[in-house]
């Protein structure tokens, strides 16, 4: 007999539950990757919506002076910028588009968690992804159909911001349902890299078409997130308990078993399943099942499922706020996400202006910030697992981020090598606390011991924390659009101030962690798993 290949040995070493966990991990990773993939194009396309049009003006003047008919083109206005972003206030208009998306996202997030706890997450997430794909494609169709109305683009951004709120509470709830507390920081640090992976893929996809047909920079990501919505509908399993009905239907233990009547207690006739003595039973089964004449008989009765009064119900908004640590981490995330999303929406344009690169090269270079974010998120998770101190881990990274932000403001004086290093380091320190708070911290608080095992609070807690953070995400790009008119230095001073405020908001929790008499890893904390 031939030996079994090592790969097959590895595959069969995992049990059924481990395979379902791996499926949930991978699927939710890909689902939220598509969310961020569809958000990234606007930051890449900005430098194409408004460009230096001096050469185009000269060309248009020359053509007009020679009275030659205009050359055929998709857009006949000969202006290299896209109206209405061709005016001197283009930064404010671009900032307003960011703000419309993020403000709608922040408002919708508070409602999304509450709604998500009351609807099937699989269907809720599927509808959100399909509609998000629709609105992302609509933005790109503005190029195809030559639409120059600011109101159209703002409407699409607002609608897309609202429907994208279905994503985060849903995927965090799913991953929290499947994975316990043991190595949550590491697992969610790895899992949360979907944010950076989505940003990288979105940058590369949008950058491929940005100079030739920026409409496709939106249409292709829109089609991808819609396709992933269909995958979500077909395969997503919200909770391990959802599989019990499948196991019950497919269980062979109740098939082909002889049934006989038996006189039960107090003269009542009951139906018993008869197991042969030779059938192998577990130790627990042997102890629990009575014996009679060499057979084991198990009573089978109809069961009526009645909802228990003690069954946990969805938590209220104020009830979630009362969980210790929710307010502090929410406000900290507001400023941390302000910094992260300012980079998300403005970094490619800043590199274009400061390093004098074209839109595609700037977009490609900006992906290094997200590569650093992947490493930073994983390190934050691993360190917080080892130390059992989530707040302290975030505070240290925020403290180190401030001087890095100052150095990043002088990127125009660096060569290519130092710029790459600064992008990687800054991405890790900025996105590390953001990733840790939105994943492991949210899941910890959503299953806090004060909830007494009410796992249905996870979606609401996640939505409150991320919704508050999204307020900062809306303010950051808006302030960047206003402040950049007076110079990019002002933008970086704003980012350093936000970083410092995020650090201050964690000081109480840091002090509590450091002075705690019990210094044990998070795996030993007595929190209810679900």
Foldseek 3Di string as FASTA:
>chain_A
DDDDDPVVVVVVVDDPLVVLLVVLLVLLLLLVLLLLLLVQLLLLLLCQQEDPFPVLVVVVVVCVVVVPDQDDDQDRPSGSHQPPCHDPLNLLLSLLLLLLQLVLLLVLLLVLLVVCLVDPLLVLSLVLLQVLLVLLLQLLVCQVVVPRDSVSSSVSSNSNSNSSSSRQLSSLQQNQQSDWFQLQLQSLLLSLLSNLSSNLNLLQLQLVCSVPRNSSSRNVSSVSSNVSSVVSNVDHDRHPVVCPVVCVVPPCPPPPFDKDWDQDPPRDIFIWTKDALPDDDDPVCVVPFDDDPRITIDTDDDDDDDDDPPQDDADDLVRLVPQPPLVLLLLLLQLLLLLVLLLSNHQLVCCCVLQVDDSSVSSNLLSLLSVLLSVLSNVLSVVCQFFVANLVSLLVLLVVLLVLLVVQLNLSPDDPVVNSVSSNSNSNSSNNNNSCSLHSVLSCSCQAVVSVRNNSHSSSSSSSSVSSNSNSSSVNSSVCSVCCVVPNVSSSVSSSVSSVVSSVSSVVSNVCQVPDPDGGGSSPDPTDRD
